[in-house]
C-alpha atoms as a PDB file:
ATOM      1  CA  UNK A   1       0.000   0.000   0.000  1.00  0.00           C
ATOM      2  CA  UNK A   2       1.412   3.369  -1.011  1.00  0.00           C
ATOM      3  CA  UNK A   3       0.466   5.029   2.281  1.00  0.00           C
ATOM      4  CA  UNK A   4       2.554   2.568   4.271  1.00  0.00           C
ATOM      5  CA  UNK A   5       5.560   2.980   1.947  1.00  0.00           C
ATOM      6  CA  UNK A   6       5.224   6.776   2.217  1.00  0.00           C
ATOM      7  CA  UNK A   7       5.366   6.693   6.024  1.00  0.00           C
ATOM      8  CA  UNK A   8       8.224   4.210   6.041  1.00  0.00           C
ATOM      9  CA  UNK A   9      10.250   6.505   3.779  1.00  0.00           C
ATOM     10  CA  UNK A  10       9.296   9.656   5.661  1.00  0.00           C
ATOM     11  CA  UNK A  11      10.025   8.246   9.114  1.00  0.00           C
ATOM     12  CA  UNK A  12      12.895   5.958   8.148  1.00  0.00           C
ATOM     13  CA  UNK A  13      11.202   3.247  10.189  1.00  0.00           C
ATOM     14  CA  UNK A  14       8.499   0.621   9.858  1.00  0.00           C
ATOM     15  CA  UNK A  15       7.030   1.393  13.284  1.00  0.00           C
ATOM     16  CA  UNK A  16       4.241   3.798  12.223  1.00  0.00           C
ATOM     17  CA  UNK A  17       3.561   1.881   8.992  1.00  0.00           C
ATOM     18  CA  UNK A  18       3.100  -1.331  10.985  1.00  0.00           C
ATOM     19  CA  UNK A  19       0.745   0.416  13.418  1.00  0.00           C
ATOM     20  CA  UNK A  20      -1.284   1.941  10.582  1.00  0.00           C
ATOM     21  CA  UNK A  21      -1.484  -1.403   8.777  1.00  0.00           C
ATOM     22  CA  UNK A  22      -2.880  -2.942  11.966  1.00  0.00           C
ATOM     23  CA  UNK A  23      -5.501  -0.188  12.212  1.00  0.00           C
ATOM     24  CA  UNK A  24      -6.633  -0.764   8.616  1.00  0.00           C
ATOM     25  CA  UNK A  25      -6.801  -4.535   9.134  1.00  0.00           C
ATOM     26  CA  UNK A  26      -8.821  -4.163  12.335  1.00  0.00           C
ATOM     27  CA  UNK A  27     -11.203  -1.703  10.642  1.00  0.00           C
ATOM     28  CA  UNK A  28     -11.731  -4.159   7.784  1.00  0.00           C
ATOM     29  CA  UNK A  29     -12.488  -6.954  10.267  1.00  0.00           C
ATOM     30  CA  UNK A  30     -15.105  -4.755  11.937  1.00  0.00           C
ATOM     31  CA  UNK A  31     -16.583  -3.773   8.559  1.00  0.00           C
ATOM     32  CA  UNK A  32     -16.684  -7.442   7.504  1.00  0.00           C
ATOM     33  CA  UNK A  33     -18.688  -8.334  10.601  1.00  0.00           C
ATOM     34  CA  UNK A  34     -20.840  -5.176  10.574  1.00  0.00           C
ATOM     35  CA  UNK A  35     -20.933  -3.592   7.084  1.00  0.00           C
ATOM     36  CA  UNK A  36     -23.278  -0.801   8.188  1.00  0.00           C
ATOM     37  CA  UNK A  37     -20.805   0.488  10.804  1.00  0.00           C
ATOM     38  CA  UNK A  38     -19.526   3.196   8.448  1.00  0.00           C
ATOM     39  CA  UNK A  39     -21.345   6.468   7.834  1.00  0.00           C
ATOM     40  CA  UNK A  40     -23.384   6.759   4.643  1.00  0.00           C
ATOM     41  CA  UNK A  41     -21.995   9.078   1.953  1.00  0.00           C
ATOM     42  CA  UNK A  42     -23.702  10.997  -0.831  1.00  0.00           C
ATOM     43  CA  UNK A  43     -23.424   7.849  -2.975  1.00  0.00           C
ATOM     44  CA  UNK A  44     -26.162   5.343  -2.131  1.00  0.00           C
ATOM     45  CA  UNK A  45     -23.942   2.250  -1.956  1.00  0.00           C
ATOM     46  CA  UNK A  46     -20.825   3.838  -0.437  1.00  0.00           C
ATOM     47  CA  UNK A  47     -20.002   4.118   3.261  1.00  0.00           C
ATOM     48  CA  UNK A  48     -17.017   5.645   5.091  1.00  0.00           C
ATOM     49  CA  UNK A  49     -15.184   4.591   8.255  1.00  0.00           C
ATOM     50  CA  UNK A  50     -12.531   6.605  10.049  1.00  0.00           C
ATOM     51  CA  UNK A  51      -9.189   4.842  10.551  1.00  0.00           C
ATOM     52  CA  UNK A  52      -6.750   7.044  12.449  1.00  0.00           C
ATOM     53  CA  UNK A  53      -6.234  10.150  10.298  1.00  0.00           C
ATOM     54  CA  UNK A  54      -7.695   8.384   7.251  1.00  0.00           C
ATOM     55  CA  UNK A  55     -11.144   7.800   5.807  1.00  0.00           C
ATOM     56  CA  UNK A  56     -11.790   4.382   4.309  1.00  0.00           C
ATOM     57  CA  UNK A  57     -14.516   4.480   1.640  1.00  0.00           C
ATOM     58  CA  UNK A  58     -16.134   1.128   0.870  1.00  0.00           C
ATOM     59  CA  UNK A  59     -19.120  -0.653  -0.571  1.00  0.00           C
ATOM     60  CA  UNK A  60     -20.244  -4.165   0.274  1.00  0.00           C
ATOM     61  CA  UNK A  61     -22.266  -7.103  -0.888  1.00  0.00           C
ATOM     62  CA  UNK A  62     -23.203 -10.407   0.739  1.00  0.00           C
ATOM     63  CA  UNK A  63     -19.941 -11.882  -0.562  1.00  0.00           C
ATOM     64  CA  UNK A  64     -17.358  -9.084  -0.239  1.00  0.00           C
ATOM     65  CA  UNK A  65     -16.225  -5.730   1.079  1.00  0.00           C
ATOM     66  CA  UNK A  66     -14.886  -3.449  -1.677  1.00  0.00           C
ATOM     67  CA  UNK A  67     -12.405  -0.775  -0.591  1.00  0.00           C
ATOM     68  CA  UNK A  68     -12.961   2.104  -2.996  1.00  0.00           C
ATOM     69  CA  UNK A  69     -10.564   4.702  -1.639  1.00  0.00           C
ATOM     70  CA  UNK A  70      -8.431   5.633   1.362  1.00  0.00           C
ATOM     71  CA  UNK A  71      -8.307   9.369   1.953  1.00  0.00           C
ATOM     72  CA  UNK A  72      -6.337  11.442   4.466  1.00  0.00           C
ATOM     73  CA  UNK A  73      -8.938  13.283   6.544  1.00  0.00           C
ATOM     74  CA  UNK A  74      -7.016  16.578   6.417  1.00  0.00           C
ATOM     75  CA  UNK A  75      -7.400  16.831   2.645  1.00  0.00           C
ATOM     76  CA  UNK A  76     -10.000  19.204   1.326  1.00  0.00           C
ATOM     77  CA  UNK A  77     -13.559  17.788   1.480  1.00  0.00           C
ATOM     78  CA  UNK A  78     -14.176  19.264  -1.975  1.00  0.00           C
ATOM     79  CA  UNK A  79     -11.624  16.817  -3.405  1.00  0.00           C
ATOM     80  CA  UNK A  80     -13.015  13.731  -1.633  1.00  0.00           C
ATOM     81  CA  UNK A  81     -14.124  10.971  -3.973  1.00  0.00           C
ATOM     82  CA  UNK A  82     -17.563  10.409  -2.372  1.00  0.00           C
END
């Protein structure tokens, strides 16, 4: 994942990248068990869940969770994909 490589390069360490990876994995486990946990967005089939400083946009079906985008929450809301 590009975000993890960015933080590894910026910090010169895997520590934060490893922590962030764990947060994303835990969030996806929660979403898998409870797909409605995320907030609805302006798109009917898209939901968003906060993960640290990031927003994870996803859709879901009975068979799968589809990660659509991961967005840093400090970026302009006008630019957000959903």
